[in-house]
Amino acid sequence: MSPVAPPLAVRYLTVDEESVGQRLDNYLFRTLKGVPKTHLYRIIRSGEVRRNKGRVSAEDRLALGDVLRIPPIRVSERAQEKVANPAPAREFAVVYEDEAFLAVDKPAGVAVHGGSGVSFGVIEQMRQARPLARFLELVHRLDRETSGLLLIAKKKSALKVLQEQFRERETGKTYLALVKGNWPARMKVLDQPLHKYLLPDGERRVRVTTKDDPDAMHAVTLVKVAAKVGAPAGLPAAMAEGFSLLEVTIKTGRTHQIRVHLASAGHAIVGDDKYGDFELNRQLSKLGLKRMFLHAWRLRLTHPVTGNSMELHSELPSDLQGWMALRQ
């Protein structure tokens, strides 16, 4: 006879000093190992997770002494096996590093952290690769298919300062994006609120909305044309209008902000499998472009310890450089 599983119970967690300032969702990802990311977001949205007896949002920052109520959660045997088998150790190309933080060059196709069907990401692999590191924590996120600059804090104090800079829009984050068509040079500012929603399968999506939408999130994107790019030979005539390489600076850090803003303007990022031109993407894949052309290129920030201004760069990956060299 199989043993009877013990009854599930409500859990109460108290936020300690090491967790102050973290987003609720990031805190739960680390604390409730093995619980699917989609399930965590579901219990947060439904109000089953409570902070100090009140509702709380995934983006809310935690304060010292906050008491979180966690509803009964059963973790599958498969999820428990994933926890028991840690991520493989992996170092990533380092763009900058000191005692406070490091900036790595994240490849496309690698998640920044585990969850939502992904067993592990950059941060879990870095922790395994650096077992003596006392503290490694993501400062911000990049979409899985986006390559480029990713900051990781090595001290709690640095994490707090850097996240505050991102939150207060004191950093300058500029991406390189290749979009279909000729981007109008006069179109320099995209100021359109965004609305997050879920597909029936629980996958997250974002769309442009109106300012009177109660769930609207303010979002501003600045666009500069860096180059016009000719269409590759072999592309159907109906798709041969060419492309634009854009320098895109975000003044707000919303989910999928660049992808949605550019697509809503009629110039979707090539290779974008969520908001792009799917037939164009299929044709470009045949011609060698097999990923979304979005790269976190430049980051301007203030050093969290010295207070000095910094500018970090991550050049286009070789696959994108090679594809561009053949098309211009």
Protein backbone atom coordinates (compact mmCIF):
# COMPACT_ATOMS: atom_id res chain seq x y z
CA MET A 1 0.00 0.00 0.00
CA SER A 2 1.35 3.45 -0.92
CA PRO A 3 1.93 5.80 2.02
CA VAL A 4 -0.71 8.46 2.51
CA ALA A 5 0.59 11.92 1.69
CA PRO A 6 0.48 14.30 4.66
CA PRO A 7 -2.24 16.94 4.50
CA LEU A 8 -1.20 20.22 2.92
CA ALA A 9 -1.21 23.29 5.12
CA VAL A 10 -1.07 27.06 4.83
CA ARG A 11 2.45 28.43 5.28
CA TYR A 12 3.52 31.77 6.72
CA LEU A 13 6.85 33.28 5.69
CA THR A 14 8.47 36.33 7.26
CA VAL A 15 10.68 38.50 5.06
CA ASP A 16 14.22 38.81 6.42
CA GLU A 17 16.95 41.38 5.69
CA GLU A 18 18.36 39.38 2.76
CA SER A 19 15.02 39.55 0.96
CA VAL A 20 14.18 43.22 1.51
CA GLY A 21 13.46 45.00 -1.77
CA GLN A 22 12.89 41.85 -3.82
CA ARG A 23 9.84 41.54 -6.02
CA LEU A 24 7.26 39.14 -4.62
CA ASP A 25 7.43 36.80 -7.63
CA ASN A 26 11.25 36.57 -7.49
CA TYR A 27 11.09 35.83 -3.76
CA LEU A 28 8.56 33.04 -4.28
CA PHE A 29 10.56 31.53 -7.18
CA ARG A 30 13.52 31.08 -4.86
CA THR A 31 11.58 30.09 -1.75
CA LEU A 32 9.04 27.68 -3.28
CA LYS A 33 11.41 25.61 -5.38
CA GLY A 34 9.72 23.12 -7.65
CA VAL A 35 6.43 25.01 -7.92
CA PRO A 36 5.65 25.93 -11.57
CA LYS A 37 5.98 29.61 -12.34
CA THR A 38 2.54 29.72 -13.93
CA HIS A 39 0.98 28.32 -10.75
CA LEU A 40 2.74 30.93 -8.59
CA TYR A 41 1.42 33.75 -10.75
CA ARG A 42 -2.05 32.20 -10.61
CA ILE A 43 -2.22 32.12 -6.81
CA ILE A 44 -0.87 35.67 -6.62
CA ARG A 45 -3.48 37.02 -9.05
CA SER A 46 -6.29 35.13 -7.31
CA GLY A 47 -5.40 36.72 -3.96
CA GLU A 48 -4.48 33.43 -2.30
CA VAL A 49 -1.03 34.84 -1.51
CA ARG A 50 -1.47 37.59 1.10
CA ARG A 51 0.96 40.09 2.56
CA ASN A 52 0.17 41.25 6.08
CA LYS A 53 -3.39 39.94 5.48
CA GLY A 54 -3.87 42.08 2.35
CA ARG A 55 -3.65 41.42 -1.38
CA VAL A 56 -0.29 41.77 -3.07
CA SER A 57 0.90 41.97 -6.68
CA ALA A 58 3.73 40.04 -8.30
CA GLU A 59 5.67 43.28 -8.90
CA ASP A 60 5.37 44.57 -5.32
CA ARG A 61 8.62 44.95 -3.38
CA LEU A 62 8.98 43.24 -0.02
CA ALA A 63 9.79 45.03 3.23
CA LEU A 64 11.50 43.74 6.36
CA GLY A 65 9.06 41.84 8.59
CA ASP A 66 6.36 41.38 5.95
CA VAL A 67 4.36 38.23 6.68
CA LEU A 68 3.34 36.30 3.58
CA ARG A 69 0.51 33.77 3.62
CA ILE A 70 1.13 30.93 1.16
CA PRO A 71 -1.82 28.64 0.37
CA PRO A 72 -1.43 24.84 0.41
CA ILE A 73 0.68 23.80 -2.59
CA ARG A 74 1.46 20.27 -3.67
CA VAL A 75 4.72 19.80 -5.55
CA SER A 76 4.79 16.96 -8.06
CA GLU A 77 7.39 14.22 -7.86
CA ARG A 78 8.82 15.42 -11.15
CA ALA A 79 9.26 18.94 -9.76
CA GLN A 80 10.91 17.52 -6.65
CA GLU A 81 13.33 15.62 -8.86
CA LYS A 82 14.27 18.88 -10.60
CA VAL A 83 15.07 20.47 -7.26
CA ALA A 84 17.19 17.47 -6.30
CA ASN A 85 19.10 17.74 -9.60
CA PRO A 86 20.60 21.23 -9.71
CA ALA A 87 21.41 23.21 -12.84
CA PRO A 88 24.69 22.45 -14.62
CA ALA A 89 27.50 24.86 -13.82
CA ARG A 90 28.10 27.40 -16.55
CA GLU A 91 29.97 30.67 -16.83
CA PHE A 92 28.87 33.31 -19.33
CA ALA A 93 31.00 35.86 -21.16
CA VAL A 94 31.77 38.65 -18.68
CA VAL A 95 31.56 42.23 -19.96
CA TYR A 96 32.39 43.83 -16.59
CA GLU A 97 33.00 42.59 -13.06
CA ASP A 98 34.06 43.96 -9.69
CA GLU A 99 33.26 43.19 -6.05
CA ALA A 100 29.77 44.70 -6.27
CA PHE A 101 28.29 43.29 -9.47
CA LEU A 102 29.01 41.78 -12.87
CA ALA A 103 27.57 42.20 -16.34
CA VAL A 104 27.38 39.12 -18.53
CA ASP A 105 26.61 38.71 -22.22
CA LYS A 106 23.50 36.51 -22.23
CA PRO A 107 23.06 34.35 -25.33
CA ALA A 108 19.71 34.18 -27.10
CA GLY A 109 17.65 31.14 -26.20
CA VAL A 110 18.78 31.04 -22.56
CA ALA A 111 16.31 32.05 -19.84
CA VAL A 112 17.54 34.36 -17.09
CA HIS A 113 16.03 32.08 -14.42
CA GLY A 114 14.14 28.82 -14.13
CA GLY A 115 10.36 28.57 -14.20
CA SER A 116 7.43 28.26 -16.63
CA GLY A 117 8.68 25.05 -18.20
CA VAL A 118 12.36 25.98 -17.89
CA SER A 119 14.34 24.00 -15.32
CA PHE A 120 17.12 26.56 -14.93
CA GLY A 121 18.51 29.76 -16.37
CA VAL A 122 21.55 32.03 -16.22
CA ILE A 123 21.38 32.71 -12.50
CA GLU A 124 21.07 29.05 -11.44
CA GLN A 125 23.96 28.05 -13.69
CA MET A 126 26.13 30.92 -12.43
CA ARG A 127 25.51 29.92 -8.82
CA GLN A 128 26.60 26.37 -9.61
CA ALA A 129 29.68 27.65 -11.44
CA ARG A 130 30.63 29.88 -8.49
CA PRO A 131 29.94 27.77 -5.38
CA LEU A 132 32.02 30.09 -3.18
CA ALA A 133 30.03 33.17 -4.10
CA ARG A 134 28.01 34.22 -1.06
CA PHE A 135 25.47 36.22 -3.05
CA LEU A 136 24.43 36.21 -6.72
CA GLU A 137 21.10 37.76 -7.68
CA LEU A 138 19.56 39.05 -10.90
CA VAL A 139 19.24 42.84 -11.02
CA HIS A 140 16.78 42.80 -13.94
CA ARG A 141 15.51 40.45 -16.66
CA LEU A 142 15.76 39.86 -20.37
CA ASP A 143 13.36 37.82 -22.48
CA ARG A 144 14.64 34.34 -23.23
CA GLU A 145 15.16 35.07 -26.93
CA THR A 146 16.84 38.44 -26.31
CA SER A 147 20.64 38.47 -26.16
CA GLY A 148 22.96 40.99 -24.52
CA LEU A 149 23.76 42.76 -21.28
CA LEU A 150 22.46 41.24 -18.05
CA LEU A 151 23.45 42.53 -14.60
CA ILE A 152 23.99 40.24 -11.60
CA ALA A 153 24.59 41.67 -8.12
CA LYS A 154 27.28 40.16 -5.90
CA LYS A 155 26.20 42.04 -2.78
CA LYS A 156 22.79 42.71 -1.27
CA SER A 157 23.61 46.41 -0.97
CA ALA A 158 24.53 46.60 -4.67
CA LEU A 159 21.33 44.79 -5.65
CA LYS A 160 19.22 47.30 -3.77
CA VAL A 161 20.95 50.33 -5.31
CA LEU A 162 20.92 48.97 -8.87
CA GLN A 163 17.28 47.87 -8.72
CA GLU A 164 16.37 51.31 -7.41
CA GLN A 165 18.08 52.85 -10.45
CA PHE A 166 16.06 50.62 -12.77
CA ARG A 167 12.86 51.32 -10.86
CA GLU A 168 13.38 55.11 -10.90
CA ARG A 169 14.34 55.03 -14.62
CA GLU A 170 17.83 56.33 -13.87
CA THR A 171 19.49 53.82 -16.21
CA GLY A 172 19.76 54.13 -19.97
CA LYS A 173 18.90 50.80 -21.65
CA THR A 174 19.37 50.74 -25.41
CA TYR A 175 18.69 47.75 -27.64
CA LEU A 176 19.44 46.99 -31.27
CA ALA A 177 16.40 45.70 -33.14
CA LEU A 178 15.94 44.78 -36.79
CA VAL A 179 12.40 45.43 -37.96
CA LYS A 180 10.59 44.87 -41.23
CA GLY A 181 10.08 47.82 -43.57
CA ASN A 182 11.41 51.38 -43.56
CA TRP A 183 10.96 52.94 -40.15
CA PRO A 184 9.85 56.60 -40.49
CA ALA A 185 12.70 58.79 -39.22
CA ARG A 186 10.17 61.23 -37.75
CA MET A 187 8.69 58.52 -35.51
CA LYS A 188 11.03 58.91 -32.54
CA VAL A 189 8.79 58.49 -29.48
CA LEU A 190 6.26 55.71 -28.83
CA ASP A 191 4.12 56.65 -25.84
CA GLN A 192 1.42 54.01 -25.61
CA PRO A 193 0.14 52.28 -22.48
CA LEU A 194 0.33 48.49 -22.34
CA HIS A 195 -2.00 45.83 -20.96
CA LYS A 196 -0.91 42.34 -19.87
CA TYR A 197 -3.20 39.36 -20.34
CA LEU A 198 -3.08 35.57 -20.48
CA LEU A 199 -3.82 33.17 -23.30
CA PRO A 200 -6.08 30.17 -22.52
CA ASP A 201 -2.98 28.03 -21.91
CA GLY A 202 -1.71 30.51 -19.31
CA GLU A 203 1.02 32.06 -21.47
CA ARG A 204 1.52 35.78 -20.94
CA ARG A 205 0.92 38.36 -23.69
CA VAL A 206 0.91 42.15 -23.89
CA ARG A 207 -1.01 44.55 -26.11
CA VAL A 208 -1.29 48.30 -26.61
CA THR A 209 -4.30 49.74 -24.82
CA THR A 210 -5.96 53.07 -24.04
CA LYS A 211 -5.10 55.41 -21.20
CA ASP A 212 -8.51 54.91 -19.61
CA ASP A 213 -7.90 51.16 -19.26
CA PRO A 214 -7.79 50.52 -15.48
CA ASP A 215 -4.96 48.02 -16.03
CA ALA A 216 -2.97 50.26 -18.37
CA MET A 217 0.76 50.52 -17.70
CA HIS A 218 2.57 53.67 -18.80
CA ALA A 219 5.26 52.80 -21.38
CA VAL A 220 7.62 55.05 -23.37
CA THR A 221 10.04 53.87 -26.06
CA LEU A 222 12.53 56.05 -27.97
CA VAL A 223 13.55 54.99 -31.48
CA LYS A 224 16.48 56.05 -33.69
CA VAL A 225 17.21 54.60 -37.13
CA ALA A 226 20.77 53.24 -37.18
CA ALA A 227 20.77 51.81 -40.71
CA LYS A 228 18.62 50.74 -43.63
CA VAL A 229 19.10 47.07 -44.49
CA GLY A 230 18.34 45.58 -47.87
CA ALA A 231 16.25 42.47 -48.32
CA PRO A 232 18.17 39.22 -48.88
CA ALA A 233 18.10 37.44 -52.20
CA GLY A 234 15.53 34.67 -52.19
CA LEU A 235 12.90 36.55 -50.22
CA PRO A 236 9.49 36.64 -51.96
CA ALA A 237 8.90 39.89 -53.87
CA ALA A 238 5.98 40.80 -51.61
CA MET A 239 8.37 40.83 -48.64
CA ALA A 240 11.32 42.54 -50.33
CA GLU A 241 10.76 46.05 -48.98
CA GLY A 242 13.85 45.77 -46.79
CA PHE A 243 14.47 46.30 -43.10
CA SER A 244 15.52 48.94 -40.56
CA LEU A 245 18.13 48.52 -37.83
CA LEU A 246 16.96 50.54 -34.84
CA GLU A 247 18.54 51.82 -31.64
CA VAL A 248 15.70 51.48 -29.14
CA THR A 249 15.90 53.06 -25.69
CA ILE A 250 13.24 52.21 -23.14
CA LYS A 251 12.27 54.81 -20.56
CA THR A 252 10.03 52.27 -18.79
CA GLY A 253 10.72 48.58 -18.32
CA ARG A 254 7.45 46.86 -19.16
CA THR A 255 7.09 43.22 -20.16
CA HIS A 256 7.62 42.81 -23.95
CA GLN A 257 7.56 46.61 -24.26
CA ILE A 258 9.87 46.96 -27.27
CA ARG A 259 8.34 44.03 -29.11
CA VAL A 260 4.77 45.26 -28.68
CA HIS A 261 5.47 48.94 -29.35
CA LEU A 262 7.36 48.23 -32.58
CA ALA A 263 4.81 45.68 -33.78
CA SER A 264 1.90 48.04 -33.05
CA ALA A 265 3.65 50.66 -35.21
CA GLY A 266 3.57 48.23 -38.13
CA HIS A 267 7.25 47.31 -37.95
CA ALA A 268 7.54 44.07 -35.98
CA ILE A 269 10.94 42.75 -34.93
CA VAL A 270 12.06 40.06 -37.34
CA GLY A 271 12.12 36.62 -35.81
CA ASP A 272 9.65 37.54 -33.05
CA ASP A 273 7.50 34.43 -32.58
CA LYS A 274 4.89 36.18 -30.40
CA TYR A 275 4.20 39.53 -32.04
CA GLY A 276 5.97 39.27 -35.39
CA ASP A 277 5.10 38.54 -39.00
CA PHE A 278 5.02 34.76 -38.89
CA GLU A 279 5.24 34.17 -42.65
CA LEU A 280 8.17 36.59 -42.95
CA ASN A 281 9.87 34.86 -40.03
CA ARG A 282 9.43 31.50 -41.76
CA GLN A 283 11.02 32.80 -44.94
CA LEU A 284 13.91 34.44 -43.06
CA SER A 285 14.56 31.25 -41.15
CA LYS A 286 15.15 29.48 -44.45
CA LEU A 287 17.71 32.19 -45.25
CA GLY A 288 19.64 31.79 -42.01
CA LEU A 289 17.99 34.11 -39.48
CA LYS A 290 16.69 31.67 -36.89
CA ARG A 291 16.17 33.90 -33.84
CA MET A 292 14.56 37.18 -32.82
CA PHE A 293 16.76 40.12 -33.79
CA LEU A 294 16.70 41.97 -30.45
CA HIS A 295 19.92 42.60 -28.54
CA ALA A 296 20.56 44.49 -25.26
CA TRP A 297 23.40 46.60 -26.64
CA ARG A 298 24.20 49.49 -24.29
CA LEU A 299 23.56 50.20 -20.61
CA ARG A 300 24.27 53.45 -18.84
CA LEU A 301 24.18 53.38 -15.06
CA THR A 302 25.71 54.72 -11.86
CA HIS A 303 28.10 52.40 -10.03
CA PRO A 304 26.30 51.22 -6.86
CA VAL A 305 29.36 51.80 -4.64
CA THR A 306 31.54 54.53 -6.19
CA GLY A 307 28.74 56.61 -7.68
CA ASN A 308 30.67 56.94 -10.94
CA SER A 309 28.81 57.02 -14.27
CA MET A 310 29.33 53.89 -16.37
CA GLU A 311 28.52 52.80 -19.91
CA LEU A 312 28.62 49.11 -20.80
CA HIS A 313 28.41 47.65 -24.31
CA SER A 314 27.67 44.24 -25.76
CA GLU A 315 28.31 44.04 -29.47
CA LEU A 316 25.98 42.13 -31.76
CA PRO A 317 26.51 38.35 -31.52
CA SER A 318 28.42 36.79 -34.40
CA ASP A 319 25.31 35.16 -35.89
CA LEU A 320 23.53 38.50 -36.20
CA GLN A 321 26.65 40.30 -37.40
CA GLY A 322 27.16 37.68 -40.09
CA TRP A 323 23.57 37.87 -41.26
CA MET A 324 23.72 41.69 -41.39
CA ALA A 325 27.00 41.70 -43.32
CA LEU A 326 25.39 39.71 -46.11
CA ARG A 327 22.31 41.90 -46.39
CA GLN A 328 23.53 45.53 -46.34
